[in-house]
Amino acid sequence: LGNFGNFGTYRYFTGPTFSQQFMAGMASGLLFSLILYPVEAMRVQWVTGRDIRPTYKGLGPYTIRFCLLTGFVLSSYELFHQSWSRNLQVLVDKEYDRGF
């Protein structure tokens, strides 16, 4: 459910340019972190043996890091995917022209 929401948000906001893809990735990261941060905080509390309670303490640094990371990862994926698709198509066309 989490990844579906993350990628769904990205696909909804994304555009053809790298900056639009980066901003869409950041929006996806923002939404994902705001919704799931309390769950992540409770998981850490459980692992460390503290009392388990939902909290937004520490949300700021987590959200900034996650937004930048998600924006970079998703927009870089699009950039490399487009580049590899074009290069692969050129190789396939060359092989087809040679008769293979």
PDB file of N, CA and C in Angstrom:
ATOM      1  N   LEU A   1       0.840  -1.200   0.000  1.00  0.00           N
ATOM      2  CA  LEU A   1       0.000   0.000   0.000  1.00  0.00           C
ATOM      3  C   LEU A   1       0.877   1.254   0.000  1.00  0.00           C
ATOM      4  N   GLY A   2       1.973   1.225   0.764  1.00  0.00           N
ATOM      5  CA  GLY A   2       2.839   2.396   0.839  1.00  0.00           C
ATOM      6  C   GLY A   2       3.497   2.727  -0.486  1.00  0.00           C
ATOM      7  N   ASN A   3       4.082   1.733  -1.139  1.00  0.00           N
ATOM      8  CA  ASN A   3       4.723   1.975  -2.431  1.00  0.00           C
ATOM      9  C   ASN A   3       3.721   2.361  -3.503  1.00  0.00           C
ATOM     10  N   PHE A   4       2.525   1.801  -3.437  1.00  0.00           N
ATOM     11  CA  PHE A   4       1.484   2.168  -4.394  1.00  0.00           C
ATOM     12  C   PHE A   4       1.162   3.657  -4.267  1.00  0.00           C
ATOM     13  N   GLY A   5       1.027   4.110  -3.045  1.00  0.00           N
ATOM     14  CA  GLY A   5       0.765   5.531  -2.822  1.00  0.00           C
ATOM     15  C   GLY A   5       1.927   6.402  -3.235  1.00  0.00           C
ATOM     16  N   ASN A   6       3.132   5.945  -2.962  1.00  0.00           N
ATOM     17  CA  ASN A   6       4.328   6.702  -3.308  1.00  0.00           C
ATOM     18  C   ASN A   6       4.459   6.861  -4.823  1.00  0.00           C
ATOM     19  N   PHE A   7       4.410   5.761  -5.558  1.00  0.00           N
ATOM     20  CA  PHE A   7       4.552   5.827  -7.010  1.00  0.00           C
ATOM     21  C   PHE A   7       3.318   6.432  -7.680  1.00  0.00           C
ATOM     22  N   GLY A   8       2.152   6.193  -7.106  1.00  0.00           N
ATOM     23  CA  GLY A   8       0.934   6.798  -7.652  1.00  0.00           C
ATOM     24  C   GLY A   8       0.978   8.314  -7.571  1.00  0.00           C
ATOM     25  N   THR A   9       1.440   8.829  -6.450  1.00  0.00           N
ATOM     26  CA  THR A   9       1.585  10.281  -6.291  1.00  0.00           C
ATOM     27  C   THR A   9       2.614  10.819  -7.273  1.00  0.00           C
ATOM     28  N   TYR A  10       3.705  10.113  -7.415  1.00  0.00           N
ATOM     29  CA  TYR A  10       4.742  10.540  -8.351  1.00  0.00           C
ATOM     30  C   TYR A  10       4.198  10.592  -9.774  1.00  0.00           C
ATOM     31  N   ARG A  11       3.499   9.547 -10.191  1.00  0.00           N
ATOM     32  CA  ARG A  11       2.956   9.508 -11.558  1.00  0.00           C
ATOM     33  C   ARG A  11       1.902  10.587 -11.784  1.00  0.00           C
ATOM     34  N   TYR A  12       1.164  10.931 -10.736  1.00  0.00           N
ATOM     35  CA  TYR A  12       0.126  11.955 -10.867  1.00  0.00           C
ATOM     36  C   TYR A  12       0.743  13.335 -11.095  1.00  0.00           C
ATOM     37  N   PHE A  13       1.841  13.647 -10.400  1.00  0.00           N
ATOM     38  CA  PHE A  13       2.428  14.981 -10.448  1.00  0.00           C
ATOM     39  C   PHE A  13       3.566  15.129 -11.454  1.00  0.00           C
ATOM     40  N   THR A  14       4.076  14.044 -12.004  1.00  0.00           N
ATOM     41  CA  THR A  14       5.274  14.126 -12.833  1.00  0.00           C
ATOM     42  C   THR A  14       5.009  14.807 -14.173  1.00  0.00           C
ATOM     43  N   GLY A  15       6.095  15.283 -14.780  1.00  0.00           N
ATOM     44  CA  GLY A  15       6.017  15.938 -16.082  1.00  0.00           C
ATOM     45  C   GLY A  15       7.185  15.513 -16.947  1.00  0.00           C
ATOM     46  N   PRO A  16       7.344  16.139 -18.109  1.00  0.00           N
ATOM     47  CA  PRO A  16       8.384  15.707 -19.042  1.00  0.00           C
ATOM     48  C   PRO A  16       9.799  16.181 -18.693  1.00  0.00           C
ATOM     49  N   THR A  17       9.943  17.224 -17.885  1.00  0.00           N
ATOM     50  CA  THR A  17      11.283  17.738 -17.595  1.00  0.00           C
ATOM     51  C   THR A  17      11.826  17.164 -16.293  1.00  0.00           C
ATOM     52  N   PHE A  18      13.160  17.225 -16.159  1.00  0.00           N
ATOM     53  CA  PHE A  18      13.810  16.694 -14.961  1.00  0.00           C
ATOM     54  C   PHE A  18      13.345  17.432 -13.709  1.00  0.00           C
ATOM     55  N   SER A  19      13.199  18.757 -13.805  1.00  0.00           N
ATOM     56  CA  SER A  19      12.777  19.518 -12.626  1.00  0.00           C
ATOM     57  C   SER A  19      11.353  19.160 -12.211  1.00  0.00           C
ATOM     58  N   GLN A  20      10.472  18.925 -13.179  1.00  0.00           N
ATOM     59  CA  GLN A  20       9.105  18.504 -12.842  1.00  0.00           C
ATOM     60  C   GLN A  20       9.118  17.116 -12.211  1.00  0.00           C
ATOM     61  N   GLN A  21       9.968  16.246 -12.696  1.00  0.00           N
ATOM     62  CA  GLN A  21      10.072  14.901 -12.127  1.00  0.00           C
ATOM     63  C   GLN A  21      10.655  14.951 -10.724  1.00  0.00           C
ATOM     64  N   PHE A  22      11.639  15.843 -10.505  1.00  0.00           N
ATOM     65  CA  PHE A  22      12.220  15.988  -9.180  1.00  0.00           C
ATOM     66  C   PHE A  22      11.188  16.524  -8.193  1.00  0.00           C
ATOM     67  N   MET A  23      10.423  17.535  -8.608  1.00  0.00           N
ATOM     68  CA  MET A  23       9.384  18.100  -7.731  1.00  0.00           C
ATOM     69  C   MET A  23       8.294  17.070  -7.447  1.00  0.00           C
ATOM     70  N   ALA A  24       7.933  16.271  -8.444  1.00  0.00           N
ATOM     71  CA  ALA A  24       6.935  15.217  -8.235  1.00  0.00           C
ATOM     72  C   ALA A  24       7.455  14.178  -7.249  1.00  0.00           C
ATOM     73  N   GLY A  25       8.733  13.840  -7.341  1.00  0.00           N
ATOM     74  CA  GLY A  25       9.337  12.920  -6.394  1.00  0.00           C
ATOM     75  C   GLY A  25       9.354  13.483  -4.986  1.00  0.00           C
ATOM     76  N   MET A  26       9.619  14.783  -4.874  1.00  0.00           N
ATOM     77  CA  MET A  26       9.601  15.411  -3.553  1.00  0.00           C
ATOM     78  C   MET A  26       8.186  15.437  -2.977  1.00  0.00           C
ATOM     79  N   ALA A  27       7.192  15.715  -3.823  1.00  0.00           N
ATOM     80  CA  ALA A  27       5.798  15.701  -3.355  1.00  0.00           C
ATOM     81  C   ALA A  27       5.406  14.306  -2.895  1.00  0.00           C
ATOM     82  N   SER A  28       5.843  13.315  -3.620  1.00  0.00           N
ATOM     83  CA  SER A  28       5.578  11.931  -3.246  1.00  0.00           C
ATOM     84  C   SER A  28       6.218  11.603  -1.911  1.00  0.00           C
ATOM     85  N   GLY A  29       7.471  12.015  -1.729  1.00  0.00           N
ATOM     86  CA  GLY A  29       8.167  11.787  -0.473  1.00  0.00           C
ATOM     87  C   GLY A  29       7.511  12.518   0.687  1.00  0.00           C
ATOM     88  N   LEU A  30       7.032  13.724   0.440  1.00  0.00           N
ATOM     89  CA  LEU A  30       6.357  14.492   1.488  1.00  0.00           C
ATOM     90  C   LEU A  30       5.091  13.787   1.947  1.00  0.00           C
ATOM     91  N   LEU A  31       4.266  13.397   1.010  1.00  0.00           N
ATOM     92  CA  LEU A  31       3.019  12.715   1.361  1.00  0.00           C
ATOM     93  C   LEU A  31       3.301  11.395   2.076  1.00  0.00           C
ATOM     94  N   PHE A  32       4.240  10.637   1.558  1.00  0.00           N
ATOM     95  CA  PHE A  32       4.591   9.341   2.142  1.00  0.00           C
ATOM     96  C   PHE A  32       5.105   9.502   3.569  1.00  0.00           C
ATOM     97  N   SER A  33       5.987  10.488   3.794  1.00  0.00           N
ATOM     98  CA  SER A  33       6.562  10.654   5.127  1.00  0.00           C
ATOM     99  C   SER A  33       5.551  11.191   6.121  1.00  0.00           C
ATOM    100  N   LEU A  34       4.659  12.078   5.702  1.00  0.00           N
ATOM    101  CA  LEU A  34       3.648  12.610   6.626  1.00  0.00           C
ATOM    102  C   LEU A  34       2.679  11.527   7.092  1.00  0.00           C
ATOM    103  N   ILE A  35       2.356  10.622   6.209  1.00  0.00           N
ATOM    104  CA  ILE A  35       1.396   9.568   6.564  1.00  0.00           C
ATOM    105  C   ILE A  35       2.071   8.455   7.362  1.00  0.00           C
ATOM    106  N   LEU A  36       3.261   8.041   6.957  1.00  0.00           N
ATOM    107  CA  LEU A  36       3.869   6.860   7.558  1.00  0.00           C
ATOM    108  C   LEU A  36       4.894   7.143   8.655  1.00  0.00           C
ATOM    109  N   TYR A  37       5.220   8.403   8.925  1.00  0.00           N
ATOM    110  CA  TYR A  37       6.216   8.687   9.952  1.00  0.00           C
ATOM    111  C   TYR A  37       5.818   8.154  11.332  1.00  0.00           C
ATOM    112  N   PRO A  38       4.570   8.347  11.776  1.00  0.00           N
ATOM    113  CA  PRO A  38       4.219   7.795  13.101  1.00  0.00           C
ATOM    114  C   PRO A  38       4.398   6.280  13.175  1.00  0.00           C
ATOM    115  N   VAL A  39       4.120   5.578  12.098  1.00  0.00           N
ATOM    116  CA  VAL A  39       4.312   4.124  12.073  1.00  0.00           C
ATOM    117  C   VAL A  39       5.799   3.795  12.197  1.00  0.00           C
ATOM    118  N   GLU A  40       6.637   4.527  11.490  1.00  0.00           N
ATOM    119  CA  GLU A  40       8.087   4.319  11.564  1.00  0.00           C
ATOM    120  C   GLU A  40       8.594   4.634  12.971  1.00  0.00           C
ATOM    121  N   ALA A  41       8.086   5.695  13.574  1.00  0.00           N
ATOM    122  CA  ALA A  41       8.495   6.058  14.935  1.00  0.00           C
ATOM    123  C   ALA A  41       8.084   4.970  15.931  1.00  0.00           C
ATOM    124  N   MET A  42       6.902   4.406  15.766  1.00  0.00           N
ATOM    125  CA  MET A  42       6.465   3.324  16.657  1.00  0.00           C
ATOM    126  C   MET A  42       7.316   2.070  16.464  1.00  0.00           C
ATOM    127  N   ARG A  43       7.739   1.792  15.234  1.00  0.00           N
ATOM    128  CA  ARG A  43       8.609   0.643  14.976  1.00  0.00           C
ATOM    129  C   ARG A  43       9.940   0.813  15.697  1.00  0.00           C
ATOM    130  N   VAL A  44      10.502   2.017  15.636  1.00  0.00           N
ATOM    131  CA  VAL A  44      11.765   2.287  16.328  1.00  0.00           C
ATOM    132  C   VAL A  44      11.575   2.163  17.833  1.00  0.00           C
ATOM    133  N   GLN A  45      10.462   2.653  18.355  1.00  0.00           N
ATOM    134  CA  GLN A  45      10.190   2.539  19.791  1.00  0.00           C
ATOM    135  C   GLN A  45      10.091   1.074  20.202  1.00  0.00           C
ATOM    136  N   TRP A  46       9.468   0.272  19.390  1.00  0.00           N
ATOM    137  CA  TRP A  46       9.316  -1.156  19.691  1.00  0.00           C
ATOM    138  C   TRP A  46      10.667  -1.860  19.702  1.00  0.00           C
ATOM    139  N   VAL A  47      11.491  -1.553  18.700  1.00  0.00           N
ATOM    140  CA  VAL A  47      12.802  -2.194  18.584  1.00  0.00           C
ATOM    141  C   VAL A  47      13.704  -1.801  19.763  1.00  0.00           C
ATOM    142  N   THR A  48      13.617  -0.541  20.175  1.00  0.00           N
ATOM    143  CA  THR A  48      14.486  -0.074  21.263  1.00  0.00           C
ATOM    144  C   THR A  48      13.910  -0.356  22.646  1.00  0.00           C
ATOM    145  N   GLY A  49      12.707  -0.903  22.728  1.00  0.00           N
ATOM    146  CA  GLY A  49      12.131  -1.287  24.005  1.00  0.00           C
ATOM    147  C   GLY A  49      11.445  -0.170  24.762  1.00  0.00           C
ATOM    148  N   ARG A  50      11.163   0.937  24.105  1.00  0.00           N
ATOM    149  CA  ARG A  50      10.462   2.040  24.754  1.00  0.00           C
ATOM    150  C   ARG A  50       8.957   1.843  24.650  1.00  0.00           C
ATOM    151  N   ASP A  51       8.203   2.684  25.382  1.00  0.00           N
ATOM    152  CA  ASP A  51       6.744   2.641  25.285  1.00  0.00           C
ATOM    153  C   ASP A  51       6.323   3.024  23.873  1.00  0.00           C
ATOM    154  N   ILE A  52       5.402   2.264  23.323  1.00  0.00           N
ATOM    155  CA  ILE A  52       4.980   2.483  21.943  1.00  0.00           C
ATOM    156  C   ILE A  52       3.820   3.470  21.926  1.00  0.00           C
ATOM    157  N   ARG A  53       4.029   4.578  21.196  1.00  0.00           N
ATOM    158  CA  ARG A  53       2.973   5.570  21.005  1.00  0.00           C
ATOM    159  C   ARG A  53       3.250   6.329  19.708  1.00  0.00           C
ATOM    160  N   PRO A  54       2.195   6.686  18.982  1.00  0.00           N
ATOM    161  CA  PRO A  54       2.415   7.447  17.743  1.00  0.00           C
ATOM    162  C   PRO A  54       2.946   8.846  18.071  1.00  0.00           C
ATOM    163  N   THR A  55       3.891   9.310  17.314  1.00  0.00           N
ATOM    164  CA  THR A  55       4.475  10.624  17.560  1.00  0.00           C
ATOM    165  C   THR A  55       4.942  11.244  16.244  1.00  0.00           C
ATOM    166  N   TYR A  56       4.961  12.565  16.229  1.00  0.00           N
ATOM    167  CA  TYR A  56       5.528  13.295  15.101  1.00  0.00           C
ATOM    168  C   TYR A  56       6.833  13.986  15.499  1.00  0.00           C
ATOM    169  N   LYS A  57       7.379  13.639  16.664  1.00  0.00           N
ATOM    170  CA  LYS A  57       8.633  14.223  17.114  1.00  0.00           C
ATOM    171  C   LYS A  57       9.757  13.782  16.172  1.00  0.00           C
ATOM    172  N   GLY A  58      10.507  14.738  15.653  1.00  0.00           N
ATOM    173  CA  GLY A  58      11.583  14.436  14.714  1.00  0.00           C
ATOM    174  C   GLY A  58      11.123  14.390  13.262  1.00  0.00           C
ATOM    175  N   LEU A  59       9.892  14.805  13.010  1.00  0.00           N
ATOM    176  CA  LEU A  59       9.336  14.739  11.656  1.00  0.00           C
ATOM    177  C   LEU A  59      10.063  15.653  10.674  1.00  0.00           C
ATOM    178  N   GLY A  60      10.478  16.830  11.126  1.00  0.00           N
ATOM    179  CA  GLY A  60      11.107  17.804  10.227  1.00  0.00           C
ATOM    180  C   GLY A  60      12.334  17.274   9.503  1.00  0.00           C
ATOM    181  N   PRO A  61      13.366  16.861  10.233  1.00  0.00           N
ATOM    182  CA  PRO A  61      14.566  16.353   9.556  1.00  0.00           C
ATOM    183  C   PRO A  61      14.288  15.102   8.715  1.00  0.00           C
ATOM    184  N   TYR A  62      13.425  14.224   9.217  1.00  0.00           N
ATOM    185  CA  TYR A  62      13.075  13.004   8.487  1.00  0.00           C
ATOM    186  C   TYR A  62      12.403  13.358   7.156  1.00  0.00           C
ATOM    187  N   THR A  63      11.476  14.301   7.191  1.00  0.00           N
ATOM    188  CA  THR A  63      10.733  14.683   5.987  1.00  0.00           C
ATOM    189  C   THR A  63      11.646  15.354   4.968  1.00  0.00           C
ATOM    190  N   ILE A  64      12.508  16.247   5.426  1.00  0.00           N
ATOM    191  CA  ILE A  64      13.431  16.915   4.498  1.00  0.00           C
ATOM    192  C   ILE A  64      14.331  15.889   3.816  1.00  0.00           C
ATOM    193  N   ARG A  65      14.913  14.990   4.607  1.00  0.00           N
ATOM    194  CA  ARG A  65      15.786  13.960   4.037  1.00  0.00           C
ATOM    195  C   ARG A  65      15.020  13.057   3.075  1.00  0.00           C
ATOM    196  N   PHE A  66      13.835  12.627   3.478  1.00  0.00           N
ATOM    197  CA  PHE A  66      13.070  11.699   2.648  1.00  0.00           C
ATOM    198  C   PHE A  66      12.578  12.362   1.368  1.00  0.00           C
ATOM    199  N   CYS A  67      12.170  13.634   1.446  1.00  0.00           N
ATOM    200  CA  CYS A  67      11.717  14.344   0.244  1.00  0.00           C
ATOM    201  C   CYS A  67      12.849  14.483  -0.767  1.00  0.00           C
ATOM    202  N   LEU A  68      14.012  14.917  -0.296  1.00  0.00           N
ATOM    203  CA  LEU A  68      15.147  15.071  -1.208  1.00  0.00           C
ATOM    204  C   LEU A  68      15.582  13.734  -1.791  1.00  0.00           C
ATOM    205  N   LEU A  69      15.641  12.720  -0.948  1.00  0.00           N
ATOM    206  CA  LEU A  69      16.042  11.397  -1.410  1.00  0.00           C
ATOM    207  C   LEU A  69      15.062  10.847  -2.446  1.00  0.00           C
ATOM    208  N   THR A  70      13.777  10.923  -2.159  1.00  0.00           N
ATOM    209  CA  THR A  70      12.775  10.401  -3.084  1.00  0.00           C
ATOM    210  C   THR A  70      12.765  11.189  -4.386  1.00  0.00           C
ATOM    211  N   GLY A  71      12.891  12.510  -4.295  1.00  0.00           N
ATOM    212  CA  GLY A  71      12.958  13.329  -5.509  1.00  0.00           C
ATOM    213  C   GLY A  71      14.135  12.956  -6.375  1.00  0.00           C
ATOM    214  N   PHE A  72      15.296  12.765  -5.751  1.00  0.00           N
ATOM    215  CA  PHE A  72      16.493  12.402  -6.499  1.00  0.00           C
ATOM    216  C   PHE A  72      16.390  11.008  -7.102  1.00  0.00           C
ATOM    217  N   VAL A  73      15.929  10.044  -6.336  1.00  0.00           N
ATOM    218  CA  VAL A  73      15.870   8.655  -6.805  1.00  0.00           C
ATOM    219  C   VAL A  73      14.884   8.518  -7.966  1.00  0.00           C
ATOM    220  N   LEU A  74      13.684   9.049  -7.818  1.00  0.00           N
ATOM    221  CA  LEU A  74      12.672   8.865  -8.865  1.00  0.00           C
ATOM    222  C   LEU A  74      13.008   9.649 -10.134  1.00  0.00           C
ATOM    223  N   SER A  75      13.514  10.878  -9.990  1.00  0.00           N
ATOM    224  CA  SER A  75      13.857  11.649 -11.193  1.00  0.00           C
ATOM    225  C   SER A  75      15.097  11.065 -11.872  1.00  0.00           C
ATOM    226  N   SER A  76      16.051  10.551 -11.094  1.00  0.00           N
ATOM    227  CA  SER A  76      17.229   9.912 -11.698  1.00  0.00           C
ATOM    228  C   SER A  76      16.837   8.638 -12.433  1.00  0.00           C
ATOM    229  N   TYR A  77      15.911   7.887 -11.864  1.00  0.00           N
ATOM    230  CA  TYR A  77      15.425   6.690 -12.550  1.00  0.00           C
ATOM    231  C   TYR A  77      14.841   7.064 -13.904  1.00  0.00           C
ATOM    232  N   GLU A  78      14.008   8.096 -13.928  1.00  0.00           N
ATOM    233  CA  GLU A  78      13.405   8.525 -15.207  1.00  0.00           C
ATOM    234  C   GLU A  78      14.477   8.947 -16.202  1.00  0.00           C
ATOM    235  N   LEU A  79      15.471   9.693 -15.734  1.00  0.00           N
ATOM    236  CA  LEU A  79      16.539  10.160 -16.615  1.00  0.00           C
ATOM    237  C   LEU A  79      17.316   8.987 -17.220  1.00  0.00           C
ATOM    238  N   PHE A  80      17.727   8.041 -16.376  1.00  0.00           N
ATOM    239  CA  PHE A  80      18.468   6.881 -16.872  1.00  0.00           C
ATOM    240  C   PHE A  80      17.599   5.969 -17.724  1.00  0.00           C
ATOM    241  N   HIS A  81      16.353   5.828 -17.364  1.00  0.00           N
ATOM    242  CA  HIS A  81      15.433   4.991 -18.144  1.00  0.00           C
ATOM    243  C   HIS A  81      15.269   5.551 -19.553  1.00  0.00           C
ATOM    244  N   GLN A  82      15.078   6.849 -19.668  1.00  0.00           N
ATOM    245  CA  GLN A  82      14.938   7.470 -20.987  1.00  0.00           C
ATOM    246  C   GLN A  82      16.218   7.330 -21.794  1.00  0.00           C
ATOM    247  N   SER A  83      17.361   7.539 -21.150  1.00  0.00           N
ATOM    248  CA  SER A  83      18.642   7.440 -21.844  1.00  0.00           C
ATOM    249  C   SER A  83      18.909   6.019 -22.324  1.00  0.00           C
ATOM    250  N   TRP A  84      18.698   5.039 -21.453  1.00  0.00           N
ATOM    251  CA  TRP A  84      18.927   3.646 -21.823  1.00  0.00           C
ATOM    252  C   TRP A  84      17.945   3.187 -22.889  1.00  0.00           C
ATOM    253  N   SER A  85      16.703   3.646 -22.814  1.00  0.00           N
ATOM    254  CA  SER A  85      15.714   3.249 -23.816  1.00  0.00           C
ATOM    255  C   SER A  85      16.124   3.730 -25.195  1.00  0.00           C
ATOM    256  N   ARG A  86      16.601   4.983 -25.273  1.00  0.00           N
ATOM    257  CA  ARG A  86      17.040   5.510 -26.564  1.00  0.00           C
ATOM    258  C   ARG A  86      18.257   4.749 -27.077  1.00  0.00           C
ATOM    259  N   ASN A  87      19.240   4.520 -26.206  1.00  0.00           N
ATOM    260  CA  ASN A  87      20.460   3.810 -26.622  1.00  0.00           C
ATOM    261  C   ASN A  87      20.164   2.371 -27.017  1.00  0.00           C
ATOM    262  N   LEU A  88      19.301   1.712 -26.289  1.00  0.00           N
ATOM    263  CA  LEU A  88      18.938   0.333 -26.610  1.00  0.00           C
ATOM    264  C   LEU A  88      18.215   0.271 -27.948  1.00  0.00           C
ATOM    265  N   GLN A  89      17.335   1.230 -28.196  1.00  0.00           N
ATOM    266  CA  GLN A  89      16.615   1.242 -29.466  1.00  0.00           C
ATOM    267  C   GLN A  89      17.576   1.448 -30.633  1.00  0.00           C
ATOM    268  N   VAL A  90      18.604   2.281 -30.464  1.00  0.00           N
ATOM    269  CA  VAL A  90      19.611   2.496 -31.514  1.00  0.00           C
ATOM    270  C   VAL A  90      20.355   1.188 -31.784  1.00  0.00           C
ATOM    271  N   LEU A  91      20.725   0.459 -30.731  1.00  0.00           N
ATOM    272  CA  LEU A  91      21.422  -0.821 -30.924  1.00  0.00           C
ATOM    273  C   LEU A  91      20.531  -1.841 -31.627  1.00  0.00           C
ATOM    274  N   VAL A  92      19.270  -1.896 -31.251  1.00  0.00           N
ATOM    275  CA  VAL A  92      18.345  -2.836 -31.889  1.00  0.00           C
ATOM    276  C   VAL A  92      18.175  -2.486 -33.360  1.00  0.00           C
ATOM    277  N   ASP A  93      18.057  -1.198 -33.659  1.00  0.00           N
ATOM    278  CA  ASP A  93      17.904  -0.778 -35.054  1.00  0.00           C
ATOM    279  C   ASP A  93      19.140  -1.127 -35.883  1.00  0.00           C
ATOM    280  N   LYS A  94      20.335  -0.965 -35.294  1.00  0.00           N
ATOM    281  CA  LYS A  94      21.558  -1.302 -36.030  1.00  0.00           C
ATOM    282  C   LYS A  94      21.621  -2.796 -36.318  1.00  0.00           C
ATOM    283  N   GLU A  95      21.279  -3.615 -35.356  1.00  0.00           N
ATOM    284  CA  GLU A  95      21.290  -5.062 -35.560  1.00  0.00           C
ATOM    285  C   GLU A  95      20.233  -5.461 -36.592  1.00  0.00           C
ATOM    286  N   TYR A  96      19.091  -4.826 -36.576  1.00  0.00           N
ATOM    287  CA  TYR A  96      18.023  -5.141 -37.525  1.00  0.00           C
ATOM    288  C   TYR A  96      18.461  -4.772 -38.939  1.00  0.00           C
ATOM    289  N   ASP A  97      19.139  -3.620 -39.066  1.00  0.00           N
ATOM    290  CA  ASP A  97      19.617  -3.193 -40.384  1.00  0.00           C
ATOM    291  C   ASP A  97      20.681  -4.138 -40.943  1.00  0.00           C
ATOM    292  N   ARG A  98      21.447  -4.788 -40.054  1.00  0.00           N
ATOM    293  CA  ARG A  98      22.476  -5.708 -40.492  1.00  0.00           C
ATOM    294  C   ARG A  98      21.893  -7.062 -40.869  1.00  0.00           C
ATOM    295  N   GLY A  99      20.639  -7.312 -40.576  1.00  0.00           N
ATOM    296  CA  GLY A  99      20.017  -8.549 -40.977  1.00  0.00           C
ATOM    297  C   GLY A  99      20.008  -9.617 -39.914  1.00  0.00           C
ATOM    298  N   PHE A 100      20.230  -9.279 -38.659  1.00  0.00           N
ATOM    299  CA  PHE A 100      20.236 -10.278 -37.588  1.00  0.00           C
ATOM    300  C   PHE A 100      18.904 -10.400 -36.949  1.00  0.00           C
TER     301      PHE A 100
END
